[in-house]
């Protein structure tokens, strides 16, 4: 979702009303793309975020926390030198361009009052924050310097004059009449859609607001110009002119669109193109932007952390799969070693009749068909020594196979555990749950030290977050989202007569149906709990998923077993298909 010129106009109007005359108390730069201005008005303190981050550029008031570095960057120190203790004079925007100028009254080196300007340019990956001296038309510095190597058209460097970005040559929406509107729209190729036509010819509009204008006209945003006649163009003009009047008059209706509990889009205009239940209004555009970007930042952080952990787990899984292959190969070689035992026994039995040489043919008296067997010999050894050589070779392979079988079982168990970690990562939705998985991975020894050695050590961890609770027809159902929550369910929350569920031979979450009075669990409650177990497993996209269920008293953990790993008995199996619609309804309860 873009921070378009209409959003910037709404922000500019609101900031002028709230912050004109505010004192610049403190300035922070937590990272290379963001500046925080702490501003004070009588009785109030505000935090203004200036962001040149490619994915989240913008200017708005925020309440989100940030971590300040021990040493401020050079640009931050320059801002403090020129602006701290100063006063905000105004916020201005040229037309509907995405460029905001923050005019400040500050003091120079000798204490004289001077004007300084912070220019915030919102241009995606080319976004910038520039400190400018208007009296001398000189850039003091920028958060991102632009050298001739980066751009031959426009440099942003200390000491140079400020040159605005190249104009887009678009028309301001409220500076046009109906005839001119028609001429501009129809000057485009007739294959152009209505939404893209507005986007191409008028300043301030982003893709979403252009679609909103077409939707207000009762037309499809994807409708091409070639299918539009006088009626369609008239409807489009009416909606466009009314929207332009709203923007020019400062009549904004900030909204954030929420889908599946996550923010999807924001706008300074009401978004009638979405269903009413998805639209959430805010008293001001700054609150709407703070809500949207705070949640988006949290979502992006969770996704990044999950991706990092998933990559680590997949690497360990590949290592285990390779190790399991070698162990299986060792077991297979032991099966082939039976011939060495046979050769040794035959050589021992026939040693009186065998002359030293390179090989010998003897009758296999173990075979009912008495098939001859060709046995290679070492000419430097006696027949008995050759027999002992084969016995030793057989015993060595047998011992290796025994150890390989033990290690193979351990490797298979480790692979099951790693798969359970991957499934947990798919299930968790909160940052604290992701951190619990990371701590578990640390304790398991999969995170390497700087020296590259694997270490297993007990790490002090925070209290485990509670499993997800659902109340269905007065029955409490708990779902573990990760292995720690699964352990908490089995060891603390569940009682002996509660019902425990888990997908059969498939990594997934533990599910508990609480049953304090020991009643028979209704079939529909058992089915819904089984659907939750299937959905929170590796088989969430499958049909007819087998789910085992039994009483908690038949479930136990072995001493020293990995988190989330249990044994159980007396189980029954039910087959369910976890439909996304049904699961969404359940999780909302």
Protein backbone atom coordinates (compact mmCIF):
# COMPACT_ATOMS: atom_id res chain seq x y z
CA UNK A 1 0.00 0.00 0.00
CA UNK A 2 1.46 3.38 -1.04
CA UNK A 3 1.80 6.53 0.99
CA UNK A 4 0.34 8.68 -1.82
CA UNK A 5 0.01 12.43 -2.23
CA UNK A 6 -3.53 12.43 -0.81
CA UNK A 7 -2.31 10.75 2.37
CA UNK A 8 0.50 13.28 2.63
CA UNK A 9 -1.98 16.15 2.24
CA UNK A 10 -4.09 14.74 5.08
CA UNK A 11 -1.00 14.31 7.25
CA UNK A 12 0.16 17.86 6.45
CA UNK A 13 -3.24 19.33 7.43
CA UNK A 14 -3.28 17.37 10.69
CA UNK A 15 0.32 18.10 11.67
CA UNK A 16 -0.15 21.85 11.08
CA UNK A 17 -3.13 21.77 13.45
CA UNK A 18 -1.36 19.73 16.14
CA UNK A 19 2.32 20.66 15.99
CA UNK A 20 2.64 24.27 14.80
CA UNK A 21 4.69 26.02 17.49
CA UNK A 22 5.90 22.76 19.06
CA UNK A 23 9.38 22.72 20.58
CA UNK A 24 11.91 20.24 19.15
CA UNK A 25 13.01 18.58 22.36
CA UNK A 26 15.03 15.55 21.22
CA UNK A 27 16.10 13.88 17.98
CA UNK A 28 16.88 10.19 17.52
CA UNK A 29 18.02 8.03 14.61
CA UNK A 30 17.53 4.35 15.55
CA UNK A 31 18.60 3.11 12.11
CA UNK A 32 19.92 4.40 8.78
CA UNK A 33 16.45 5.15 7.39
CA UNK A 34 14.40 6.67 10.21
CA UNK A 35 14.39 9.87 12.26
CA UNK A 36 12.28 10.46 15.37
CA UNK A 37 11.53 14.00 16.50
CA UNK A 38 10.30 14.33 20.10
CA UNK A 39 8.12 17.46 20.09
CA UNK A 40 6.56 19.24 23.05
CA UNK A 41 3.40 21.30 23.18
CA UNK A 42 1.99 22.61 26.48
CA UNK A 43 0.76 19.51 28.30
CA UNK A 44 1.60 17.11 25.48
CA UNK A 45 4.60 15.24 24.07
CA UNK A 46 4.53 13.89 20.51
CA UNK A 47 6.84 11.59 18.57
CA UNK A 48 7.06 12.37 14.86
CA UNK A 49 8.50 9.65 12.63
CA UNK A 50 10.26 10.60 9.39
CA UNK A 51 10.92 7.41 7.43
CA UNK A 52 12.94 6.94 4.26
CA UNK A 53 12.60 3.16 4.47
CA UNK A 54 11.83 1.81 0.99
CA UNK A 55 9.00 -0.45 2.22
CA UNK A 56 7.57 2.00 4.77
CA UNK A 57 8.33 5.61 3.75
CA UNK A 58 6.25 8.36 5.27
CA UNK A 59 5.75 11.05 7.90
CA UNK A 60 3.34 10.51 10.79
CA UNK A 61 2.95 10.68 14.56
CA UNK A 62 3.68 7.38 16.23
CA UNK A 63 3.63 5.65 19.59
CA UNK A 64 5.75 2.69 18.48
CA UNK A 65 8.86 2.02 20.60
CA UNK A 66 12.35 2.07 19.16
CA UNK A 67 15.85 1.11 20.27
CA UNK A 68 18.31 3.99 20.21
CA UNK A 69 21.93 3.14 19.31
CA UNK A 70 24.66 3.83 21.87
CA UNK A 71 26.40 6.19 19.43
CA UNK A 72 24.18 8.49 17.31
CA UNK A 73 24.91 8.48 13.54
CA UNK A 74 26.52 11.58 12.02
CA UNK A 75 23.29 12.78 10.40
CA UNK A 76 21.51 12.55 13.74
CA UNK A 77 24.23 14.63 15.43
CA UNK A 78 23.94 17.24 12.66
CA UNK A 79 20.16 17.45 13.17
CA UNK A 80 20.65 17.87 16.90
CA UNK A 81 23.17 20.65 16.31
CA UNK A 82 20.87 22.62 14.00
CA UNK A 83 17.37 21.81 15.25
CA UNK A 84 17.26 20.79 18.93
CA UNK A 85 15.68 23.51 21.02
CA UNK A 86 14.08 25.01 17.92
CA UNK A 87 10.41 25.42 17.09
CA UNK A 88 8.16 24.01 14.36
CA UNK A 89 6.84 26.81 12.13
CA UNK A 90 4.79 24.85 9.59
CA UNK A 91 4.35 21.78 7.42
CA UNK A 92 3.92 22.41 3.70
CA UNK A 93 3.32 20.29 0.59
CA UNK A 94 3.60 21.47 -3.00
CA UNK A 95 0.30 20.51 -4.64
CA UNK A 96 -0.13 16.79 -4.18
CA UNK A 97 3.51 15.88 -4.65
CA UNK A 98 4.91 13.47 -2.07
CA UNK A 99 7.36 16.03 -0.74
CA UNK A 100 6.86 17.63 2.69
CA UNK A 101 8.81 20.60 4.00
CA UNK A 102 9.02 21.05 7.76
CA UNK A 103 9.96 24.66 8.47
CA UNK A 104 11.79 25.18 11.75
CA UNK A 105 12.91 28.24 13.70
CA UNK A 106 16.34 27.44 15.15
CA UNK A 107 19.52 29.11 16.38
CA UNK A 108 22.83 29.18 14.50
CA UNK A 109 26.34 28.91 15.97
CA UNK A 110 26.26 32.46 17.37
CA UNK A 111 22.69 32.25 18.70
CA UNK A 112 21.01 34.15 15.86
CA UNK A 113 17.53 32.98 14.85
CA UNK A 114 17.56 31.23 11.48
CA UNK A 115 15.19 29.12 9.45
CA UNK A 116 16.02 25.50 8.74
CA UNK A 117 13.96 23.05 6.72
CA UNK A 118 13.61 19.30 6.86
CA UNK A 119 12.55 18.06 3.44
CA UNK A 120 11.05 14.59 3.37
CA UNK A 121 10.80 13.02 -0.10
CA UNK A 122 8.61 9.91 -0.36
CA UNK A 123 9.77 8.11 -3.51
CA UNK A 124 9.94 4.39 -2.65
CA UNK A 125 13.53 3.17 -2.65
CA UNK A 126 14.68 6.73 -3.53
CA UNK A 127 13.04 8.26 -0.42
CA UNK A 128 15.19 10.77 1.45
CA UNK A 129 15.34 13.17 4.39
CA UNK A 130 17.28 16.37 3.74
CA UNK A 131 18.37 19.17 6.10
CA UNK A 132 18.28 22.42 4.09
CA UNK A 133 19.37 26.04 4.72
CA UNK A 134 16.91 28.17 2.65
CA UNK A 135 18.77 31.47 3.26
CA UNK A 136 21.85 30.19 1.45
CA UNK A 137 20.01 27.64 -0.73
CA UNK A 138 22.41 25.01 0.57
CA UNK A 139 21.95 21.39 1.58
CA UNK A 140 23.52 20.79 5.00
CA UNK A 141 23.27 17.01 4.66
CA UNK A 142 20.87 14.14 3.89
CA UNK A 143 20.13 10.77 5.41
CA UNK A 144 20.96 9.29 1.99
CA UNK A 145 23.54 11.16 -0.05
CA UNK A 146 23.03 11.02 -3.83
CA UNK A 147 26.29 11.23 -5.78
CA UNK A 148 26.79 11.68 -9.55
CA UNK A 149 27.41 7.93 -9.75
CA UNK A 150 23.88 7.32 -8.45
CA UNK A 151 22.12 10.08 -10.40
CA UNK A 152 23.41 12.38 -13.13
CA UNK A 153 20.19 14.42 -13.10
CA UNK A 154 20.13 15.36 -9.42
CA UNK A 155 22.71 15.17 -6.65
CA UNK A 156 21.95 15.48 -2.94
CA UNK A 157 25.22 16.39 -1.21
CA UNK A 158 26.31 18.87 1.50
CA UNK A 159 27.05 22.29 0.05
CA UNK A 160 24.94 21.90 -3.10
CA UNK A 161 21.71 23.75 -3.79
CA UNK A 162 18.45 21.88 -3.38
CA UNK A 163 16.85 20.71 -6.60
CA UNK A 164 13.41 19.07 -6.30
CA UNK A 165 12.80 15.70 -7.95
CA UNK A 166 11.67 15.94 -11.60
CA UNK A 167 7.99 16.91 -11.84
CA UNK A 168 5.52 14.21 -12.86
CA UNK A 169 3.61 16.55 -15.19
CA UNK A 170 0.26 15.53 -13.82
CA UNK A 171 -2.79 17.73 -13.25
CA UNK A 172 -3.98 18.78 -9.80
CA UNK A 173 -7.47 17.20 -9.37
CA UNK A 174 -9.36 20.36 -8.33
CA UNK A 175 -7.80 22.56 -11.03
CA UNK A 176 -9.75 21.10 -13.97
CA UNK A 177 -13.27 21.28 -15.42
CA UNK A 178 -15.37 18.56 -17.00
CA UNK A 179 -14.32 19.17 -20.62
CA UNK A 180 -10.64 19.21 -19.72
CA UNK A 181 -11.16 16.02 -17.71
CA UNK A 182 -12.61 14.29 -20.77
CA UNK A 183 -9.75 15.49 -22.99
CA UNK A 184 -7.09 14.23 -20.59
CA UNK A 185 -8.72 10.85 -20.10
CA UNK A 186 -9.40 10.30 -23.81
CA UNK A 187 -5.86 11.30 -24.79
CA UNK A 188 -4.71 7.93 -23.46
CA UNK A 189 -4.76 4.68 -25.47
CA UNK A 190 -8.29 3.25 -25.50
CA UNK A 191 -6.99 -0.01 -24.04
CA UNK A 192 -6.12 1.84 -20.83
CA UNK A 193 -8.34 1.00 -17.82
CA UNK A 194 -10.23 3.72 -15.97
CA UNK A 195 -8.23 3.34 -12.75
CA UNK A 196 -4.91 3.52 -14.61
CA UNK A 197 -6.13 6.53 -16.60
CA UNK A 198 -6.72 8.49 -13.38
CA UNK A 199 -3.39 7.29 -12.02
CA UNK A 200 -1.58 8.44 -15.19
CA UNK A 201 -3.10 11.92 -15.52
CA UNK A 202 -3.77 13.27 -12.02
CA UNK A 203 -1.36 13.95 -9.17
CA UNK A 204 -1.78 12.61 -5.66
CA UNK A 205 -3.57 9.39 -6.54
CA UNK A 206 -2.17 5.98 -5.69
CA UNK A 207 -3.53 2.75 -7.19
CA UNK A 208 -6.02 2.23 -4.36
CA UNK A 209 -7.46 5.76 -4.38
CA UNK A 210 -7.73 5.68 -8.19
CA UNK A 211 -9.72 2.46 -7.90
CA UNK A 212 -11.86 4.07 -5.21
CA UNK A 213 -12.89 6.92 -7.55
CA UNK A 214 -13.97 4.44 -10.23
CA UNK A 215 -15.82 2.35 -7.65
CA UNK A 216 -17.70 5.44 -6.42
CA UNK A 217 -18.78 6.00 -10.01
CA UNK A 218 -20.38 2.57 -10.00
CA UNK A 219 -17.92 1.27 -12.62
CA UNK A 220 -15.29 -1.45 -12.71
CA UNK A 221 -11.71 -0.15 -12.22
CA UNK A 222 -10.54 -2.63 -14.87
CA UNK A 223 -13.02 -1.30 -17.47
CA UNK A 224 -11.07 -0.13 -20.61
CA UNK A 225 -11.71 3.33 -22.08
CA UNK A 226 -12.85 1.82 -25.38
CA UNK A 227 -15.98 0.50 -23.66
CA UNK A 228 -16.87 3.87 -22.12
CA UNK A 229 -19.42 6.20 -23.60
CA UNK A 230 -20.88 9.54 -22.51
CA UNK A 231 -22.78 7.92 -19.62
CA UNK A 232 -19.72 6.17 -18.13
CA UNK A 233 -17.48 9.22 -18.51
CA UNK A 234 -20.14 11.44 -16.92
CA UNK A 235 -20.40 9.08 -13.92
CA UNK A 236 -16.63 9.01 -13.62
CA UNK A 237 -16.40 12.82 -13.71
CA UNK A 238 -19.03 13.20 -10.98
CA UNK A 239 -17.20 10.81 -8.66
CA UNK A 240 -13.82 12.36 -9.51
CA UNK A 241 -14.92 15.97 -8.95
CA UNK A 242 -16.59 15.11 -5.62
CA UNK A 243 -13.46 13.31 -4.44
CA UNK A 244 -11.26 16.21 -5.59
CA UNK A 245 -13.45 18.63 -3.60
CA UNK A 246 -13.05 16.46 -0.49
CA UNK A 247 -9.27 16.48 -0.87
CA UNK A 248 -9.05 20.22 -1.56
CA UNK A 249 -11.31 21.04 1.36
CA UNK A 250 -9.41 18.84 3.81
CA UNK A 251 -12.39 16.53 4.35
CA UNK A 252 -10.58 13.29 5.04
CA UNK A 253 -11.99 10.04 6.38
CA UNK A 254 -9.00 7.88 7.35
CA UNK A 255 -9.53 4.13 7.17
CA UNK A 256 -7.50 0.94 7.52
CA UNK A 257 -8.67 -2.23 5.79
CA UNK A 258 -8.23 -5.36 7.90
CA UNK A 259 -8.43 -8.87 6.47
CA UNK A 260 -7.81 -12.04 8.51
CA UNK A 261 -6.88 -9.87 11.52
CA UNK A 262 -4.04 -8.23 9.58
CA UNK A 263 -3.96 -4.69 8.10
CA UNK A 264 -4.27 -4.84 4.33
CA UNK A 265 -4.43 -1.20 3.21
CA UNK A 266 -4.82 2.39 4.45
CA UNK A 267 -6.26 5.54 2.95
CA UNK A 268 -7.08 9.14 3.80
CA UNK A 269 -10.41 8.59 1.98
CA UNK A 270 -13.22 6.22 2.90
CA UNK A 271 -12.78 3.00 0.93
CA UNK A 272 -16.26 2.03 -0.20
CA UNK A 273 -14.81 -0.67 -2.50
CA UNK A 274 -14.33 -2.93 0.56
CA UNK A 275 -16.94 -4.72 2.65
CA UNK A 276 -18.09 -2.74 5.73
CA UNK A 277 -16.73 -5.31 8.19
CA UNK A 278 -13.22 -4.85 6.73
CA UNK A 279 -13.24 -1.06 7.06
CA UNK A 280 -11.98 0.47 10.31
CA UNK A 281 -12.23 4.24 10.74
CA UNK A 282 -9.80 6.39 12.72
CA UNK A 283 -10.24 9.92 14.12
CA UNK A 284 -7.06 11.07 12.38
CA UNK A 285 -4.76 9.99 9.56
CA UNK A 286 -1.78 9.83 11.93
CA UNK A 287 -3.53 7.27 14.13
CA UNK A 288 -4.47 5.24 11.07
CA UNK A 289 -0.89 5.23 9.75
CA UNK A 290 0.58 4.41 13.15
CA UNK A 291 -1.82 1.48 13.52
CA UNK A 292 -1.12 0.18 10.01
CA UNK A 293 2.67 0.44 10.02
CA UNK A 294 3.05 -0.77 13.63
CA UNK A 295 1.13 -3.93 12.80
CA UNK A 296 2.87 -4.31 9.45
CA UNK A 297 6.27 -3.89 11.07
CA UNK A 298 5.37 -6.52 13.64
CA UNK A 299 4.09 -8.88 10.93
CA UNK A 300 7.24 -8.35 8.83
CA UNK A 301 9.45 -8.96 11.86
CA UNK A 302 7.61 -12.20 12.67
CA UNK A 303 7.87 -13.38 9.05
CA UNK A 304 11.59 -12.59 8.93
CA UNK A 305 12.35 -14.36 12.21
CA UNK A 306 10.26 -17.36 11.14
CA UNK A 307 12.06 -17.51 7.79
CA UNK A 308 15.49 -17.38 9.49
CA UNK A 309 14.58 -20.20 11.86
CA UNK A 310 13.00 -22.25 9.07
CA UNK A 311 16.20 -21.98 7.04
CA UNK A 312 18.26 -23.15 10.01
CA UNK A 313 15.92 -26.10 10.66
CA UNK A 314 15.91 -27.13 6.99
CA UNK A 315 19.72 -27.10 6.99
CA UNK A 316 19.77 -29.39 10.04
CA UNK A 317 17.12 -31.58 8.40
CA UNK A 318 19.30 -32.02 5.31
CA UNK A 319 22.24 -32.95 7.55
CA UNK A 320 20.14 -35.57 9.35
CA UNK A 321 18.76 -37.00 6.11
CA UNK A 322 22.31 -37.43 4.78
CA UNK A 323 23.39 -39.06 8.04
CA UNK A 324 20.37 -41.39 8.00
CA UNK A 325 21.28 -42.47 4.46
CA UNK A 326 24.82 -43.42 5.54
CA UNK A 327 23.48 -45.29 8.56
CA UNK A 328 21.02 -47.25 6.42
CA UNK A 329 23.88 -48.07 4.06
CA UNK A 330 25.85 -49.51 7.00
CA UNK A 331 22.85 -51.64 8.00
CA UNK A 332 22.52 -52.88 4.42
CA UNK A 333 26.19 -53.79 4.31
CA UNK A 334 25.69 -55.98 7.38
CA UNK A 335 23.12 -58.01 5.45
CA UNK A 336 25.73 -58.60 2.76
CA UNK A 337 28.25 -59.64 5.43
CA UNK A 338 26.44 -62.95 6.02
CA UNK A 339 28.49 -64.42 3.18
CA UNK A 340 31.68 -63.81 5.20
CA UNK A 341 30.35 -65.97 8.04
CA UNK A 342 29.42 -68.67 5.53
CA UNK A 343 32.85 -68.57 3.87
CA UNK A 344 34.56 -68.81 7.26
CA UNK A 345 32.51 -71.84 8.29
CA UNK A 346 33.04 -73.61 4.94
CA UNK A 347 36.79 -72.96 5.03
CA UNK A 348 36.96 -74.30 8.59
CA UNK A 349 35.04 -77.45 7.62
CA UNK A 350 37.04 -78.16 4.45
CA UNK A 351 40.47 -76.90 5.54
CA UNK A 352 42.02 -80.41 5.39
CA UNK A 353 41.12 -80.72 1.71
CA UNK A 354 42.01 -77.18 0.53
CA UNK A 355 45.37 -76.21 -0.91
CA UNK A 356 46.61 -72.61 -0.58
CA UNK A 357 45.86 -70.42 -3.62
CA UNK A 358 43.92 -67.44 -4.89
CA UNK A 359 40.46 -69.04 -4.61
CA UNK A 360 38.71 -72.32 -3.95
CA UNK A 361 35.39 -73.96 -4.96
CA UNK A 362 33.64 -75.89 -2.18
CA UNK A 363 30.20 -77.41 -1.75
CA UNK A 364 27.79 -75.38 0.40
CA UNK A 365 26.39 -78.07 2.68
CA UNK A 366 23.89 -75.53 4.09
CA UNK A 367 22.20 -75.38 0.69
CA UNK A 368 19.76 -78.27 -0.01
CA UNK A 369 20.87 -78.11 -3.63
CA UNK A 370 24.55 -78.32 -2.54
CA UNK A 371 25.45 -75.45 -4.86
CA UNK A 372 29.23 -74.90 -5.18
CA UNK A 373 30.61 -71.67 -3.64
CA UNK A 374 33.70 -69.82 -4.94
CA UNK A 375 35.70 -68.32 -2.01
CA UNK A 376 38.57 -65.81 -2.60
CA UNK A 377 41.75 -66.62 -0.64
CA UNK A 378 44.82 -64.68 0.47
CA UNK A 379 47.84 -66.68 -0.71
CA UNK A 380 49.93 -65.35 2.17
CA UNK A 381 47.57 -66.86 4.79
CA UNK A 382 46.78 -70.43 5.70
CA UNK A 383 43.25 -71.77 5.14
CA UNK A 384 42.42 -71.42 8.84
CA UNK A 385 43.80 -67.85 8.86
CA UNK A 386 41.63 -67.04 5.82
CA UNK A 387 38.63 -68.45 7.68
CA UNK A 388 39.45 -66.32 10.76
CA UNK A 389 39.83 -63.26 8.50
CA UNK A 390 36.27 -63.76 7.20
CA UNK A 391 34.91 -64.36 10.71
CA UNK A 392 36.51 -61.08 11.86
CA UNK A 393 35.15 -59.25 8.84
CA UNK A 394 31.66 -60.61 9.55
CA UNK A 395 31.81 -59.66 13.24
CA UNK A 396 33.05 -56.16 12.45
CA UNK A 397 30.22 -55.57 9.96
CA UNK A 398 27.70 -56.98 12.42
CA UNK A 399 28.88 -54.67 15.22
CA UNK A 400 28.86 -51.68 12.85
CA UNK A 401 25.32 -52.54 11.78
CA UNK A 402 24.17 -52.81 15.39
CA UNK A 403 25.56 -49.35 16.14
CA UNK A 404 24.21 -47.96 12.86
CA UNK A 405 20.73 -49.28 13.72
CA UNK A 406 20.85 -47.55 17.10
CA UNK A 407 22.11 -44.30 15.58
CA UNK A 408 19.60 -44.55 12.73
CA UNK A 409 16.73 -44.74 15.24
CA UNK A 410 18.14 -41.66 16.99
CA UNK A 411 18.45 -39.84 13.66
CA UNK A 412 14.86 -40.70 12.72
CA UNK A 413 13.75 -39.35 16.11
CA UNK A 414 15.75 -36.18 15.49
CA UNK A 415 14.14 -35.78 12.05
CA UNK A 416 10.70 -36.12 13.64
CA UNK A 417 11.66 -33.43 16.14
CA UNK A 418 12.95 -31.10 13.42
CA UNK A 419 9.73 -31.62 11.47
CA UNK A 420 7.77 -30.73 14.60
CA UNK A 421 9.76 -27.48 14.86
CA UNK A 422 8.92 -26.59 11.25
CA UNK A 423 5.26 -27.32 11.89
CA UNK A 424 5.36 -25.15 15.02
CA UNK A 425 6.79 -22.28 12.96
CA UNK A 426 3.84 -22.56 10.58
CA UNK A 427 1.39 -22.50 13.50
CA UNK A 428 2.68 -19.58 15.56
CA UNK A 429 1.38 -16.07 14.91
CA UNK A 430 2.92 -14.01 17.73
CA UNK A 431 6.47 -12.79 18.23
CA UNK A 432 6.72 -14.25 21.74
CA UNK A 433 5.75 -17.69 20.35
CA UNK A 434 8.46 -17.41 17.68
CA UNK A 435 11.00 -16.46 20.36
CA UNK A 436 10.00 -19.55 22.35
CA UNK A 437 10.84 -21.72 19.34
CA UNK A 438 14.17 -19.94 18.97
CA UNK A 439 14.97 -20.57 22.63
CA UNK A 440 14.04 -24.23 22.18
CA UNK A 441 16.36 -24.47 19.16
CA UNK A 442 19.14 -22.93 21.26
CA UNK A 443 18.60 -25.45 24.03
CA UNK A 444 18.67 -28.28 21.48
CA UNK A 445 22.12 -27.10 20.37
CA UNK A 446 21.28 -26.16 16.78
CA UNK A 447 22.46 -22.55 17.07
CA UNK A 448 26.21 -22.34 16.67
CA UNK A 449 28.62 -20.26 18.72
CA UNK A 450 30.85 -17.70 16.95
CA UNK A 451 33.63 -20.34 16.90
CA UNK A 452 31.33 -22.63 14.93
CA UNK A 453 31.00 -25.32 17.63
CA UNK A 454 27.62 -26.74 18.52
CA UNK A 455 26.80 -26.29 22.18
CA UNK A 456 24.10 -27.71 24.36
CA UNK A 457 23.47 -25.67 27.43
CA UNK A 458 20.57 -24.80 29.63
CA UNK A 459 19.34 -21.31 28.81
CA UNK A 460 17.26 -19.23 31.18
CA UNK A 461 14.00 -18.62 29.39
CA UNK A 462 10.87 -16.64 30.01
CA UNK A 463 7.66 -18.27 31.12
CA UNK A 464 6.01 -20.19 28.29
CA UNK A 465 3.10 -18.36 26.65
CA UNK A 466 -0.30 -19.96 27.14
CA UNK A 467 -1.79 -22.23 24.46
CA UNK A 468 -4.68 -20.92 22.39
CA UNK A 469 -8.04 -21.45 24.15
CA UNK A 470 -11.35 -21.94 22.36
CA UNK A 471 -14.73 -22.22 24.05
CA UNK A 472 -17.24 -24.29 22.07
CA UNK A 473 -20.66 -25.02 23.55
CA UNK A 474 -19.23 -24.63 27.08
CA UNK A 475 -16.34 -27.03 26.30
CA UNK A 476 -12.82 -25.60 26.70
CA UNK A 477 -10.42 -26.69 23.94
CA UNK A 478 -6.70 -25.86 24.10
CA UNK A 479 -4.32 -25.87 21.13
CA UNK A 480 -0.54 -25.82 21.54
CA UNK A 481 1.19 -23.62 18.96
CA UNK A 482 4.76 -24.84 19.61
CA UNK A 483 6.54 -27.62 21.47
CA UNK A 484 6.78 -25.67 24.71
CA UNK A 485 3.05 -25.04 24.69
CA UNK A 486 2.51 -28.71 23.84
CA UNK A 487 4.56 -29.71 26.89
CA UNK A 488 2.64 -27.23 29.02
CA UNK A 489 -0.62 -28.80 27.88
CA UNK A 490 0.46 -32.35 28.68
CA UNK A 491 2.31 -31.70 31.95
CA UNK A 492 0.33 -28.85 33.56
CA UNK A 493 -3.01 -28.03 31.97
CA UNK A 494 -4.47 -31.43 31.05
CA UNK A 495 -5.95 -33.69 33.76
CA UNK A 496 -6.22 -37.51 33.54
CA UNK A 497 -9.83 -37.55 32.27
CA UNK A 498 -9.31 -34.84 29.67
CA UNK A 499 -9.17 -35.90 26.00
CA UNK A 500 -5.86 -35.56 24.17
CA UNK A 501 -5.67 -35.40 20.35
CA UNK A 502 -2.82 -35.43 17.82
CA UNK A 503 -2.47 -36.25 14.13
CA UNK A 504 -1.45 -39.87 13.60
CA UNK A 505 2.25 -40.17 12.62
CA UNK A 506 2.25 -36.54 11.40
CA UNK A 507 4.04 -33.60 13.13
CA UNK A 508 1.55 -31.21 14.66
CA UNK A 509 0.08 -29.57 17.73
CA UNK A 510 -1.34 -31.20 20.82
CA UNK A 511 -5.02 -30.48 21.42
CA UNK A 512 -6.80 -30.95 24.76
CA UNK A 513 -10.55 -31.08 25.43
CA UNK A 514 -11.04 -30.20 29.10
CA UNK A 515 -13.51 -32.50 30.84
CA UNK A 516 -13.56 -31.70 34.58
CA UNK A 517 -16.84 -33.56 35.21
CA UNK A 518 -15.82 -36.70 33.30
CA UNK A 519 -18.73 -36.59 30.85
CA UNK A 520 -18.76 -38.25 27.47
CA UNK A 521 -17.38 -35.78 24.93
CA UNK A 522 -20.08 -35.04 22.29
CA UNK A 523 -19.25 -36.24 18.78
CA UNK A 524 -19.37 -32.74 17.27
CA UNK A 525 -16.94 -31.39 19.91
CA UNK A 526 -14.55 -34.28 19.25
CA UNK A 527 -14.79 -33.63 15.50
CA UNK A 528 -14.06 -29.91 15.88
CA UNK A 529 -11.08 -30.61 18.16
CA UNK A 530 -9.78 -33.15 15.65
CA UNK A 531 -10.11 -30.53 12.88
CA UNK A 532 -8.02 -28.14 14.99
CA UNK A 533 -5.36 -30.82 15.46
CA UNK A 534 -5.34 -31.55 11.71
CA UNK A 535 -5.16 -27.85 10.79
CA UNK A 536 -2.25 -27.22 13.17
CA UNK A 537 -0.22 -30.02 11.63
CA UNK A 538 1.84 -30.69 8.53
CA UNK A 539 -1.32 -32.09 6.91
CA UNK A 540 -3.39 -28.91 7.13
CA UNK A 541 -3.94 -28.86 3.35
CA UNK A 542 -4.86 -32.56 3.13
CA UNK A 543 -8.19 -34.37 3.25
CA UNK A 544 -9.21 -37.27 5.50
CA UNK A 545 -6.40 -36.55 7.96
CA UNK A 546 -6.07 -39.30 10.64
CA UNK A 547 -6.23 -37.89 14.18
CA UNK A 548 -5.59 -40.10 17.22
CA UNK A 549 -7.39 -39.37 20.47
CA UNK A 550 -7.21 -40.88 23.93
CA UNK A 551 -7.54 -39.85 27.57
CA UNK A 552 -4.68 -37.79 28.97
CA UNK A 553 -3.92 -40.54 31.52
CA UNK A 554 -2.77 -42.70 28.60
CA UNK A 555 -0.25 -40.06 27.43
CA UNK A 556 3.21 -39.74 28.96
CA UNK A 557 6.63 -38.25 28.36
CA UNK A 558 9.80 -40.28 28.71
CA UNK A 559 12.47 -38.80 30.94
CA UNK A 560 14.91 -36.74 28.87
CA UNK A 561 12.68 -36.72 25.76
CA UNK A 562 12.63 -33.69 23.51
CA UNK A 563 9.99 -30.94 23.96
CA UNK A 564 6.61 -31.90 22.52
CA UNK A 565 7.54 -35.60 22.18
CA UNK A 566 5.19 -38.04 23.97
CA UNK A 567 4.08 -41.68 23.95
CA UNK A 568 0.45 -42.78 24.15
CA UNK A 569 -1.78 -45.86 24.07
CA UNK A 570 -5.45 -46.95 24.02
CA UNK A 571 -6.07 -44.52 21.20
CA UNK A 572 -8.82 -44.37 18.64
CA UNK A 573 -8.58 -42.66 15.25
CA UNK A 574 -10.96 -40.26 13.54
CA UNK A 575 -10.57 -38.90 9.99
CA UNK A 576 -11.29 -35.21 9.34
CA UNK A 577 -10.75 -32.57 6.65
CA UNK A 578 -9.69 -29.17 8.10
CA UNK A 579 -11.59 -26.72 5.90
CA UNK A 580 -10.15 -23.15 6.18
CA UNK A 581 -13.63 -21.62 6.60
CA UNK A 582 -14.55 -23.92 9.48
CA UNK A 583 -11.17 -23.42 11.16
CA UNK A 584 -11.44 -19.62 10.90
CA UNK A 585 -14.85 -19.79 12.59
CA UNK A 586 -13.42 -21.96 15.37
CA UNK A 587 -10.34 -19.81 15.98
CA UNK A 588 -12.50 -16.69 16.28
CA UNK A 589 -14.43 -18.21 19.19
